[in-house]
C-alpha atoms as a PDB file:
ATOM      1  CA  MET A   1      47.402  66.859   5.758  1.00  0.00           C
ATOM      2  CA  ASN A   2      51.121  66.936   6.638  1.00  0.00           C
ATOM      3  CA  GLU A   3      51.402  66.724  10.415  1.00  0.00           C
ATOM      4  CA  SER A   4      54.665  67.311  12.241  1.00  0.00           C
ATOM      5  CA  PRO A   5      55.524  66.248  15.786  1.00  0.00           C
ATOM      6  CA  GLU A   6      56.757  69.782  16.388  1.00  0.00           C
ATOM      7  CA  THR A   7      54.232  72.343  17.569  1.00  0.00           C
ATOM      8  CA  LEU A   8      54.761  75.727  15.919  1.00  0.00           C
ATOM      9  CA  LEU A   9      54.622  78.756  18.194  1.00  0.00           C
ATOM     10  CA  PRO A  10      55.244  82.480  17.799  1.00  0.00           C
ATOM     11  CA  LEU A  11      59.006  83.118  17.951  1.00  0.00           C
ATOM     12  CA  ARG A  12      59.265  84.731  21.368  1.00  0.00           C
ATOM     13  CA  ASP A  13      56.889  82.184  22.950  1.00  0.00           C
ATOM     14  CA  ALA A  14      58.965  79.243  21.686  1.00  0.00           C
ATOM     15  CA  VAL A  15      62.213  80.782  22.973  1.00  0.00           C
ATOM     16  CA  GLU A  16      60.616  81.583  26.327  1.00  0.00           C
ATOM     17  CA  ARG A  17      59.299  78.017  26.757  1.00  0.00           C
ATOM     18  CA  ALA A  18      62.689  76.554  25.797  1.00  0.00           C
ATOM     19  CA  THR A  19      64.868  78.852  27.903  1.00  0.00           C
ATOM     20  CA  GLY A  20      62.720  80.652  30.453  1.00  0.00           C
ATOM     21  CA  ARG A  21      63.863  83.976  28.998  1.00  0.00           C
ATOM     22  CA  ARG A  22      61.955  86.291  26.667  1.00  0.00           C
ATOM     23  CA  PRO A  23      64.366  87.984  24.236  1.00  0.00           C
ATOM     24  CA  SER A  24      63.411  90.917  22.063  1.00  0.00           C
ATOM     25  CA  LEU A  25      61.514  90.114  18.892  1.00  0.00           C
ATOM     26  CA  SER A  26      64.232  91.772  16.798  1.00  0.00           C
ATOM     27  CA  ALA A  27      66.866  89.414  18.242  1.00  0.00           C
ATOM     28  CA  VAL A  28      64.830  86.294  17.477  1.00  0.00           C
ATOM     29  CA  MET A  29      63.974  87.556  13.977  1.00  0.00           C
ATOM     30  CA  ARG A  30      67.691  88.087  13.375  1.00  0.00           C
ATOM     31  CA  TRP A  31      68.388  84.485  14.461  1.00  0.00           C
ATOM     32  CA  CYS A  32      65.885  83.301  11.824  1.00  0.00           C
ATOM     33  CA  GLN A  33      66.941  85.529   8.959  1.00  0.00           C
ATOM     34  CA  LYS A  34      70.713  85.215   8.858  1.00  0.00           C
ATOM     35  CA  PRO A  35      73.308  82.878  10.340  1.00  0.00           C
ATOM     36  CA  ASN A  36      74.985  83.970  13.562  1.00  0.00           C
ATOM     37  CA  ARG A  37      78.775  84.274  13.812  1.00  0.00           C
ATOM     38  CA  HIS A  38      78.969  80.473  14.064  1.00  0.00           C
ATOM     39  CA  GLY A  39      76.959  79.917  10.876  1.00  0.00           C
ATOM     40  CA  VAL A  40      73.795  78.716  12.622  1.00  0.00           C
ATOM     41  CA  LYS A  41      70.244  79.902  11.879  1.00  0.00           C
ATOM     42  CA  LEU A  42      67.085  79.288  13.867  1.00  0.00           C
ATOM     43  CA  ARG A  43      64.774  77.079  11.798  1.00  0.00           C
ATOM     44  CA  SER A  44      61.419  78.802  11.322  1.00  0.00           C
ATOM     45  CA  HIS A  45      58.345  78.889   9.097  1.00  0.00           C
ATOM     46  CA  LYS A  46      56.348  81.821   7.784  1.00  0.00           C
ATOM     47  CA  LEU A  47      52.572  81.567   7.884  1.00  0.00           C
ATOM     48  CA  GLY A  48      50.235  84.433   7.065  1.00  0.00           C
ATOM     49  CA  GLY A  49      52.891  87.083   7.567  1.00  0.00           C
ATOM     50  CA  ARG A  50      53.969  85.671  10.953  1.00  0.00           C
ATOM     51  CA  ARG A  51      57.138  83.721  11.567  1.00  0.00           C
ATOM     52  CA  LEU A  52      56.794  80.629  13.759  1.00  0.00           C
ATOM     53  CA  THR A  53      59.223  78.120  15.251  1.00  0.00           C
ATOM     54  CA  SER A  54      59.158  75.232  17.701  1.00  0.00           C
ATOM     55  CA  ILE A  55      60.708  74.521  21.060  1.00  0.00           C
ATOM     56  CA  GLN A  56      62.639  71.700  19.383  1.00  0.00           C
ATOM     57  CA  ALA A  57      64.053  74.126  16.799  1.00  0.00           C
ATOM     58  CA  VAL A  58      65.110  76.549  19.545  1.00  0.00           C
ATOM     59  CA  ASN A  59      66.877  73.760  21.449  1.00  0.00           C
ATOM     60  CA  GLU A  60      68.558  72.626  18.226  1.00  0.00           C
ATOM     61  CA  PHE A  61      69.690  76.235  17.546  1.00  0.00           C
ATOM     62  CA  ILE A  62      71.137  76.510  21.062  1.00  0.00           C
ATOM     63  CA  ASP A  63      72.884  73.124  20.836  1.00  0.00           C
ATOM     64  CA  ARG A  64      74.389  73.828  17.408  1.00  0.00           C
ATOM     65  CA  THR A  65      75.506  77.343  18.380  1.00  0.00           C
ATOM     66  CA  THR A  66      77.109  76.072  21.588  1.00  0.00           C
ATOM     67  CA  ALA A  67      78.852  73.215  19.776  1.00  0.00           C
ATOM     68  CA  ALA A  68      80.160  75.549  17.066  1.00  0.00           C
ATOM     69  CA  ALA A  69      81.387  78.041  19.681  1.00  0.00           C
ATOM     70  CA  ASP A  70      83.186  75.216  21.517  1.00  0.00           C
ATOM     71  CA  GLY A  71      84.755  73.941  18.288  1.00  0.00           C
ATOM     72  CA  VAL A  72      82.826  70.658  18.309  1.00  0.00           C
ATOM     73  CA  PRO A  73      81.703  69.291  14.915  1.00  0.00           C
ATOM     74  CA  VAL A  74      77.974  69.879  14.472  1.00  0.00           C
ATOM     75  CA  ASN A  75      75.527  67.298  13.134  1.00  0.00           C
ATOM     76  CA  ALA A  76      73.939  69.050  10.153  1.00  0.00           C
ATOM     77  CA  SER A  77      70.899  66.742  10.072  1.00  0.00           C
ATOM     78  CA  THR A  78      67.579  68.275  11.048  1.00  0.00           C
ATOM     79  CA  SER A  79      64.977  66.433  13.095  1.00  0.00           C
ATOM     80  CA  ARG A  80      62.913  65.897   9.930  1.00  0.00           C
ATOM     81  CA  GLN A  81      65.881  64.349   8.125  1.00  0.00           C
ATOM     82  CA  ILE A  82      66.577  62.064  11.072  1.00  0.00           C
ATOM     83  CA  GLU A  83      62.913  61.022  11.226  1.00  0.00           C
ATOM     84  CA  ALA A  84      62.849  60.339   7.457  1.00  0.00           C
ATOM     85  CA  ALA A  85      65.996  58.193   7.717  1.00  0.00           C
ATOM     86  CA  HIS A  86      64.462  56.315  10.652  1.00  0.00           C
ATOM     87  CA  ASN A  87      61.254  55.638   8.694  1.00  0.00           C
ATOM     88  CA  THR A  88      63.271  54.455   5.669  1.00  0.00           C
ATOM     89  CA  ALA A  89      65.267  52.062   7.843  1.00  0.00           C
ATOM     90  CA  LEU A  90      62.083  50.674   9.422  1.00  0.00           C
ATOM     91  CA  ARG A  91      60.539  50.148   5.975  1.00  0.00           C
ATOM     92  CA  GLU A  92      63.688  48.353   4.747  1.00  0.00           C
ATOM     93  CA  LEU A  93      63.698  46.090   7.806  1.00  0.00           C
ATOM     94  CA  GLU A  94      60.019  45.276   7.300  1.00  0.00           C
ATOM     95  CA  GLU A  95      60.608  44.445   3.612  1.00  0.00           C
ATOM     96  CA  ALA A  96      63.496  42.169   4.623  1.00  0.00           C
ATOM     97  CA  GLY A  97      61.219  40.382   7.091  1.00  0.00           C
ATOM     98  CA  ILE A  98      63.142  41.447  10.148  1.00  0.00           C
END
């Protein structure tokens, strides 16, 4: 079983928990389906006809959108990529005896 540290929630619930606001479902679906004017999409998963996301993904979407709007370079790595790189580095250190 592939477990993730991110808990998947219905779209509007995840946005509400991350921001305290409850946007329309059509707005959140739009964030998932196509990039906004800054080229950023909300990371989501589809399960049984429902689209789900996490609080972490919402925060990442907000951070990347804000950075792009402010003209700051955006880190394109996702939390899963960062975690995989971290695990690889730990494994390499262990193999080296460090």
